[in-house]
Amino acid sequence: MSLIAEISLSSPLMEATAGAVPETIFRMEDLQLVEDGPAKYLFWAEGGDLERLDAALTVDPTVASFTCLTELPDRRLYRVSFTGEMKTRMTYLDAAANDIVYLEMRSTHERTRIRARVPTRAALREYVETCQGKGIDLQVESLYRTDEGGAFPQYGLTEPQHEALVAAHEAGYFDTDRGATLADIAADLGISRQALAGRLRRGHRQLIGATLR
């Protein structure tokens, strides 16, 4: 049994490109690293003004070269080679050093979000500390167990509990200065305030039981 971590970070890689096309989403297809060569990133670019993407990549200081491999009506597949100095800034290398495997990576102009398989909590802690030591703003948003069959259960949460917790998190309900009230979130979900409170309470109980026992 291993762990799955949901991680968010502010990456210096392609930061200028993402800022130039803020409505575009970048989804990792592959990462290619060789000892004596540049790091290469294969990704799908979806949404936003894709016509501006080539121009943005051309002037991005972290990009040495790029190629558009596939062009579809709503998305494009790119291969980017990063400049040499960017290789040491890649969190992927620090993950690999701790036997952490990236399963999914999704980036926007705001944050990069990663789902990764983690061998131990100690390995995850070492990875986080190494990245933060490089000045990378990295946060672990959730950590949960997988079953031995390889599925990724959300801590045994029911669908309504998962939906409620995600909606509350995205609305800023758990922030110090709450960005939304229970009534606001309940209205968005189309349920009563009392029903939402119950789902959050049961969801918290399930999360604590699944992660702290």
C-alpha atoms as a PDB file:
ATOM      1  CA  MET A   1       0.000   0.000   0.000  1.00  0.00           C
ATOM      2  CA  SER A   2       1.325   3.453  -0.916  1.00  0.00           C
ATOM      3  CA  LEU A   3       0.181   7.032  -0.660  1.00  0.00           C
ATOM      4  CA  ILE A   4      -1.193   9.493  -3.185  1.00  0.00           C
ATOM      5  CA  ALA A   5      -0.377  13.163  -2.678  1.00  0.00           C
ATOM      6  CA  GLU A   6      -2.198  16.087  -4.259  1.00  0.00           C
ATOM      7  CA  ILE A   7       0.369  18.894  -4.547  1.00  0.00           C
ATOM      8  CA  SER A   8       0.180  22.488  -5.745  1.00  0.00           C
ATOM      9  CA  LEU A   9       3.135  24.704  -6.513  1.00  0.00           C
ATOM     10  CA  SER A  10       4.222  27.879  -8.225  1.00  0.00           C
ATOM     11  CA  SER A  11       6.620  26.720 -10.940  1.00  0.00           C
ATOM     12  CA  PRO A  12       9.219  28.943 -12.628  1.00  0.00           C
ATOM     13  CA  LEU A  13       9.044  26.787 -15.766  1.00  0.00           C
ATOM     14  CA  MET A  14       7.052  28.379 -18.618  1.00  0.00           C
ATOM     15  CA  GLU A  15       5.773  31.007 -16.192  1.00  0.00           C
ATOM     16  CA  ALA A  16       5.892  33.736 -18.852  1.00  0.00           C
ATOM     17  CA  THR A  17       4.070  31.529 -21.356  1.00  0.00           C
ATOM     18  CA  ALA A  18       1.278  30.691 -18.929  1.00  0.00           C
ATOM     19  CA  GLY A  19       0.912  34.364 -18.057  1.00  0.00           C
ATOM     20  CA  ALA A  20       0.575  35.286 -21.744  1.00  0.00           C
ATOM     21  CA  VAL A  21      -2.287  32.804 -22.277  1.00  0.00           C
ATOM     22  CA  PRO A  22      -4.048  32.817 -18.868  1.00  0.00           C
ATOM     23  CA  GLU A  23      -7.055  30.787 -20.022  1.00  0.00           C
ATOM     24  CA  THR A  24      -4.949  27.916 -21.368  1.00  0.00           C
ATOM     25  CA  ILE A  25      -4.483  24.699 -19.389  1.00  0.00           C
ATOM     26  CA  PHE A  26      -1.303  22.638 -19.791  1.00  0.00           C
ATOM     27  CA  ARG A  27      -1.588  18.898 -19.125  1.00  0.00           C
ATOM     28  CA  MET A  28       1.520  16.742 -18.841  1.00  0.00           C
ATOM     29  CA  GLU A  29       1.883  13.913 -21.335  1.00  0.00           C
ATOM     30  CA  ASP A  30       5.506  13.018 -20.551  1.00  0.00           C
ATOM     31  CA  LEU A  31       8.738  14.305 -19.027  1.00  0.00           C
ATOM     32  CA  GLN A  32      12.032  13.287 -20.614  1.00  0.00           C
ATOM     33  CA  LEU A  33      15.312  13.787 -18.776  1.00  0.00           C
ATOM     34  CA  VAL A  34      18.701  12.557 -19.919  1.00  0.00           C
ATOM     35  CA  GLU A  35      21.934  13.015 -18.003  1.00  0.00           C
ATOM     36  CA  ASP A  36      23.813  15.142 -20.547  1.00  0.00           C
ATOM     37  CA  GLY A  37      20.917  16.671 -22.449  1.00  0.00           C
ATOM     38  CA  PRO A  38      18.154  19.203 -21.896  1.00  0.00           C
ATOM     39  CA  ALA A  39      14.988  18.406 -19.999  1.00  0.00           C
ATOM     40  CA  LYS A  40      12.057  17.924 -22.368  1.00  0.00           C
ATOM     41  CA  TYR A  41       8.392  18.376 -21.501  1.00  0.00           C
ATOM     42  CA  LEU A  42       5.572  16.894 -23.566  1.00  0.00           C
ATOM     43  CA  PHE A  43       2.195  18.485 -22.879  1.00  0.00           C
ATOM     44  CA  TRP A  44      -1.254  19.197 -24.240  1.00  0.00           C
ATOM     45  CA  ALA A  45      -2.336  22.842 -24.330  1.00  0.00           C
ATOM     46  CA  GLU A  46      -6.109  23.217 -24.072  1.00  0.00           C
ATOM     47  CA  GLY A  47      -8.406  26.236 -24.214  1.00  0.00           C
ATOM     48  CA  GLY A  48      -7.674  29.920 -24.380  1.00  0.00           C
ATOM     49  CA  ASP A  49      -5.994  31.673 -27.294  1.00  0.00           C
ATOM     50  CA  LEU A  50      -3.819  28.922 -28.724  1.00  0.00           C
ATOM     51  CA  GLU A  51      -2.863  31.164 -31.644  1.00  0.00           C
ATOM     52  CA  ARG A  52      -0.779  33.232 -29.202  1.00  0.00           C
ATOM     53  CA  LEU A  53       0.945  30.233 -27.673  1.00  0.00           C
ATOM     54  CA  ASP A  54       3.788  29.885 -30.198  1.00  0.00           C
ATOM     55  CA  ALA A  55       4.699  33.548 -29.812  1.00  0.00           C
ATOM     56  CA  ALA A  56       4.675  33.207 -26.021  1.00  0.00           C
ATOM     57  CA  LEU A  57       6.921  30.128 -26.102  1.00  0.00           C
ATOM     58  CA  THR A  58       9.338  31.873 -28.463  1.00  0.00           C
ATOM     59  CA  VAL A  59      10.132  34.622 -25.950  1.00  0.00           C
ATOM     60  CA  ASP A  60       9.859  32.521 -22.766  1.00  0.00           C
ATOM     61  CA  PRO A  61      13.290  32.679 -21.058  1.00  0.00           C
ATOM     62  CA  THR A  62      12.969  29.126 -19.693  1.00  0.00           C
ATOM     63  CA  VAL A  63      12.344  27.577 -23.138  1.00  0.00           C
ATOM     64  CA  ALA A  64      15.284  26.672 -25.386  1.00  0.00           C
ATOM     65  CA  SER A  65      13.172  25.266 -28.231  1.00  0.00           C
ATOM     66  CA  PHE A  66       9.729  23.862 -28.914  1.00  0.00           C
ATOM     67  CA  THR A  67       7.779  21.903 -31.494  1.00  0.00           C
ATOM     68  CA  CYS A  68       4.041  21.589 -32.038  1.00  0.00           C
ATOM     69  CA  LEU A  69       3.570  17.862 -32.656  1.00  0.00           C
ATOM     70  CA  THR A  70      -0.195  17.694 -33.092  1.00  0.00           C
ATOM     71  CA  GLU A  71      -2.794  20.386 -33.729  1.00  0.00           C
ATOM     72  CA  LEU A  72      -6.476  19.669 -33.116  1.00  0.00           C
ATOM     73  CA  PRO A  73      -9.403  22.123 -33.135  1.00  0.00           C
ATOM     74  CA  ASP A  74      -9.439  22.513 -29.343  1.00  0.00           C
ATOM     75  CA  ARG A  75      -5.925  21.525 -28.238  1.00  0.00           C
ATOM     76  CA  ARG A  76      -2.308  21.134 -29.289  1.00  0.00           C
ATOM     77  CA  LEU A  77       0.454  18.726 -28.337  1.00  0.00           C
ATOM     78  CA  TYR A  78       3.865  20.356 -27.756  1.00  0.00           C
ATOM     79  CA  ARG A  79       7.368  19.211 -26.936  1.00  0.00           C
ATOM     80  CA  VAL A  80       9.467  21.821 -25.147  1.00  0.00           C
ATOM     81  CA  SER A  81      13.182  21.678 -24.373  1.00  0.00           C
ATOM     82  CA  PHE A  82      14.106  23.786 -21.362  1.00  0.00           C
ATOM     83  CA  THR A  83      17.247  25.860 -21.012  1.00  0.00           C
ATOM     84  CA  GLY A  84      20.107  24.184 -19.169  1.00  0.00           C
ATOM     85  CA  GLU A  85      19.807  26.144 -15.937  1.00  0.00           C
ATOM     86  CA  MET A  86      16.136  25.207 -15.620  1.00  0.00           C
ATOM     87  CA  LYS A  87      16.951  21.524 -15.191  1.00  0.00           C
ATOM     88  CA  THR A  88      18.022  22.055 -11.595  1.00  0.00           C
ATOM     89  CA  ARG A  89      14.811  23.994 -10.923  1.00  0.00           C
ATOM     90  CA  MET A  90      12.558  21.106 -11.879  1.00  0.00           C
ATOM     91  CA  THR A  91      10.740  19.565  -8.940  1.00  0.00           C
ATOM     92  CA  TYR A  92      10.524  16.312 -10.903  1.00  0.00           C
ATOM     93  CA  LEU A  93      14.175  15.566 -10.167  1.00  0.00           C
ATOM     94  CA  ASP A  94      13.647  16.046  -6.431  1.00  0.00           C
ATOM     95  CA  ALA A  95      10.593  13.801  -6.607  1.00  0.00           C
ATOM     96  CA  ALA A  96      12.540  11.053  -8.377  1.00  0.00           C
ATOM     97  CA  ALA A  97      15.314  11.269  -5.765  1.00  0.00           C
ATOM     98  CA  ASN A  98      12.697  10.381  -3.147  1.00  0.00           C
ATOM     99  CA  ASP A  99      11.013   7.639  -5.241  1.00  0.00           C
ATOM    100  CA  ILE A 100       7.984   9.877  -5.816  1.00  0.00           C
ATOM    101  CA  VAL A 101       6.247   9.312  -9.162  1.00  0.00           C
ATOM    102  CA  TYR A 102       4.232  12.009 -10.917  1.00  0.00           C
ATOM    103  CA  LEU A 103       0.959  10.522 -12.143  1.00  0.00           C
ATOM    104  CA  GLU A 104      -0.714  13.685 -13.418  1.00  0.00           C
ATOM    105  CA  MET A 105       0.324  17.317 -13.772  1.00  0.00           C
ATOM    106  CA  ARG A 106      -1.927  20.210 -14.729  1.00  0.00           C
ATOM    107  CA  SER A 107      -0.746  23.826 -14.962  1.00  0.00           C
ATOM    108  CA  THR A 108      -2.388  27.219 -15.397  1.00  0.00           C
ATOM    109  CA  HIS A 109      -1.095  30.765 -15.025  1.00  0.00           C
ATOM    110  CA  GLU A 110      -1.956  30.526 -11.320  1.00  0.00           C
ATOM    111  CA  ARG A 111      -0.577  27.194 -10.082  1.00  0.00           C
ATOM    112  CA  THR A 112       0.699  23.782 -11.103  1.00  0.00           C
ATOM    113  CA  ARG A 113      -1.182  20.860  -9.584  1.00  0.00           C
ATOM    114  CA  ILE A 114       0.357  17.407  -9.354  1.00  0.00           C
ATOM    115  CA  ARG A 115      -0.984  14.017  -8.337  1.00  0.00           C
ATOM    116  CA  ALA A 116       1.900  11.794  -7.283  1.00  0.00           C
ATOM    117  CA  ARG A 117       2.506   8.341  -5.837  1.00  0.00           C
ATOM    118  CA  VAL A 118       4.503   8.647  -2.595  1.00  0.00           C
ATOM    119  CA  PRO A 119       6.314   5.729  -0.883  1.00  0.00           C
ATOM    120  CA  THR A 120       6.297   7.191   2.656  1.00  0.00           C
ATOM    121  CA  ARG A 121       5.406  10.341   4.556  1.00  0.00           C
ATOM    122  CA  ALA A 122       9.114  10.849   5.278  1.00  0.00           C
ATOM    123  CA  ALA A 123       9.890  10.828   1.535  1.00  0.00           C
ATOM    124  CA  LEU A 124       7.172  13.390   0.920  1.00  0.00           C
ATOM    125  CA  ARG A 125       8.463  15.592   3.733  1.00  0.00           C
ATOM    126  CA  GLU A 126      12.010  15.458   2.312  1.00  0.00           C
ATOM    127  CA  TYR A 127      10.708  16.361  -1.144  1.00  0.00           C
ATOM    128  CA  VAL A 128       8.697  19.309   0.158  1.00  0.00           C
ATOM    129  CA  GLU A 129      11.589  20.653   2.214  1.00  0.00           C
ATOM    130  CA  THR A 130      13.996  20.364  -0.733  1.00  0.00           C
ATOM    131  CA  CYS A 131      11.636  22.227  -3.070  1.00  0.00           C
ATOM    132  CA  GLN A 132      10.892  24.924  -0.530  1.00  0.00           C
ATOM    133  CA  GLY A 133      14.632  25.279   0.050  1.00  0.00           C
ATOM    134  CA  LYS A 134      14.920  26.232  -3.627  1.00  0.00           C
ATOM    135  CA  GLY A 135      12.401  28.999  -3.081  1.00  0.00           C
ATOM    136  CA  ILE A 136       9.532  27.101  -4.723  1.00  0.00           C
ATOM    137  CA  ASP A 137       6.133  27.750  -3.169  1.00  0.00           C
ATOM    138  CA  LEU A 138       4.905  24.161  -2.790  1.00  0.00           C
ATOM    139  CA  GLN A 139       2.001  22.895  -0.684  1.00  0.00           C
ATOM    140  CA  VAL A 140       0.608  19.401  -0.059  1.00  0.00           C
ATOM    141  CA  GLU A 141      -3.153  19.817  -0.343  1.00  0.00           C
ATOM    142  CA  SER A 142      -4.143  16.239   0.467  1.00  0.00           C
ATOM    143  CA  LEU A 143      -2.594  12.861   1.192  1.00  0.00           C
ATOM    144  CA  TYR A 144      -4.438   9.557   1.099  1.00  0.00           C
ATOM    145  CA  ARG A 145      -3.855   5.842   0.861  1.00  0.00           C
ATOM    146  CA  THR A 146      -4.359   3.597  -2.130  1.00  0.00           C
ATOM    147  CA  ASP A 147      -5.602   0.062  -1.963  1.00  0.00           C
ATOM    148  CA  GLU A 148      -3.358  -2.744  -3.128  1.00  0.00           C
ATOM    149  CA  GLY A 149      -5.302  -3.022  -6.356  1.00  0.00           C
ATOM    150  CA  GLY A 150      -4.117   0.406  -7.407  1.00  0.00           C
ATOM    151  CA  ALA A 151      -7.382   2.325  -7.132  1.00  0.00           C
ATOM    152  CA  PHE A 152      -7.426   5.853  -5.736  1.00  0.00           C
ATOM    153  CA  PRO A 153     -10.301   6.093  -3.246  1.00  0.00           C
ATOM    154  CA  GLN A 154     -10.843   9.539  -1.794  1.00  0.00           C
ATOM    155  CA  TYR A 155     -10.384   8.398   1.799  1.00  0.00           C
ATOM    156  CA  GLY A 156     -13.588   6.373   1.633  1.00  0.00           C
ATOM    157  CA  LEU A 157     -15.656   9.521   1.143  1.00  0.00           C
ATOM    158  CA  THR A 158     -19.080   9.301  -0.410  1.00  0.00           C
ATOM    159  CA  GLU A 159     -19.652  11.315  -3.594  1.00  0.00           C
ATOM    160  CA  PRO A 160     -21.759  13.949  -1.746  1.00  0.00           C
ATOM    161  CA  GLN A 161     -19.111  14.296   0.980  1.00  0.00           C
ATOM    162  CA  HIS A 162     -16.339  14.693  -1.599  1.00  0.00           C
ATOM    163  CA  GLU A 163     -18.378  17.254  -3.540  1.00  0.00           C
ATOM    164  CA  ALA A 164     -19.129  19.242  -0.388  1.00  0.00           C
ATOM    165  CA  LEU A 165     -15.522  19.297   0.825  1.00  0.00           C
ATOM    166  CA  VAL A 166     -14.153  20.320  -2.579  1.00  0.00           C
ATOM    167  CA  ALA A 167     -16.784  23.047  -2.995  1.00  0.00           C
ATOM    168  CA  ALA A 168     -16.071  24.434   0.485  1.00  0.00           C
ATOM    169  CA  HIS A 169     -12.316  24.371  -0.136  1.00  0.00           C
ATOM    170  CA  GLU A 170     -12.575  26.111  -3.510  1.00  0.00           C
ATOM    171  CA  ALA A 171     -14.907  28.744  -2.074  1.00  0.00           C
ATOM    172  CA  GLY A 172     -12.392  29.578   0.670  1.00  0.00           C
ATOM    173  CA  TYR A 173     -14.596  28.356   3.512  1.00  0.00           C
ATOM    174  CA  PHE A 174     -11.633  26.851   5.381  1.00  0.00           C
ATOM    175  CA  ASP A 175      -9.453  29.967   5.047  1.00  0.00           C
ATOM    176  CA  THR A 176      -8.771  32.178   8.065  1.00  0.00           C
ATOM    177  CA  ASP A 177     -10.919  34.882   6.491  1.00  0.00           C
ATOM    178  CA  ARG A 178     -13.711  32.750   5.123  1.00  0.00           C
ATOM    179  CA  GLY A 179     -14.446  33.518   1.503  1.00  0.00           C
ATOM    180  CA  ALA A 180     -17.942  32.053   1.676  1.00  0.00           C
ATOM    181  CA  THR A 181     -20.551  30.983   4.206  1.00  0.00           C
ATOM    182  CA  LEU A 182     -22.236  27.608   4.523  1.00  0.00           C
ATOM    183  CA  ALA A 183     -25.380  29.188   3.111  1.00  0.00           C
ATOM    184  CA  ASP A 184     -23.494  30.418   0.024  1.00  0.00           C
ATOM    185  CA  ILE A 185     -21.964  27.020  -0.684  1.00  0.00           C
ATOM    186  CA  ALA A 186     -25.223  25.170   0.007  1.00  0.00           C
ATOM    187  CA  ALA A 187     -26.998  27.414  -2.482  1.00  0.00           C
ATOM    188  CA  ASP A 188     -24.397  26.663  -5.149  1.00  0.00           C
ATOM    189  CA  LEU A 189     -24.813  22.924  -4.543  1.00  0.00           C
ATOM    190  CA  GLY A 190     -28.596  23.134  -4.453  1.00  0.00           C
ATOM    191  CA  ILE A 191     -28.927  21.669  -0.947  1.00  0.00           C
ATOM    192  CA  SER A 192     -29.876  23.006   2.458  1.00  0.00           C
ATOM    193  CA  ARG A 193     -27.386  24.580   4.856  1.00  0.00           C
ATOM    194  CA  GLN A 194     -28.109  21.794   7.358  1.00  0.00           C
ATOM    195  CA  ALA A 195     -27.439  19.077   4.753  1.00  0.00           C
ATOM    196  CA  LEU A 196     -24.141  20.717   3.785  1.00  0.00           C
ATOM    197  CA  ALA A 197     -23.043  20.994   7.412  1.00  0.00           C
ATOM    198  CA  GLY A 198     -23.773  17.289   7.900  1.00  0.00           C
ATOM    199  CA  ARG A 199     -21.799  16.293   4.812  1.00  0.00           C
ATOM    200  CA  LEU A 200     -18.819  18.377   5.896  1.00  0.00           C
ATOM    201  CA  ARG A 201     -18.915  16.945   9.414  1.00  0.00           C
ATOM    202  CA  ARG A 202     -19.108  13.334   8.204  1.00  0.00           C
ATOM    203  CA  GLY A 203     -16.493  14.007   5.543  1.00  0.00           C
ATOM    204  CA  HIS A 204     -14.069  15.424   8.113  1.00  0.00           C
ATOM    205  CA  ARG A 205     -14.624  12.425  10.358  1.00  0.00           C
ATOM    206  CA  GLN A 206     -13.898  10.044   7.466  1.00  0.00           C
ATOM    207  CA  LEU A 207     -10.777  11.987   6.423  1.00  0.00           C
ATOM    208  CA  ILE A 208      -9.362  11.949   9.938  1.00  0.00           C
ATOM    209  CA  GLY A 209     -10.115   8.256  10.381  1.00  0.00           C
ATOM    210  CA  ALA A 210      -8.486   7.375   7.047  1.00  0.00           C
ATOM    211  CA  THR A 211      -5.339   9.458   7.397  1.00  0.00           C
ATOM    212  CA  LEU A 212      -4.486   9.588  11.117  1.00  0.00           C
ATOM    213  CA  ARG A 213      -5.219   6.097  12.343  1.00  0.00           C
END
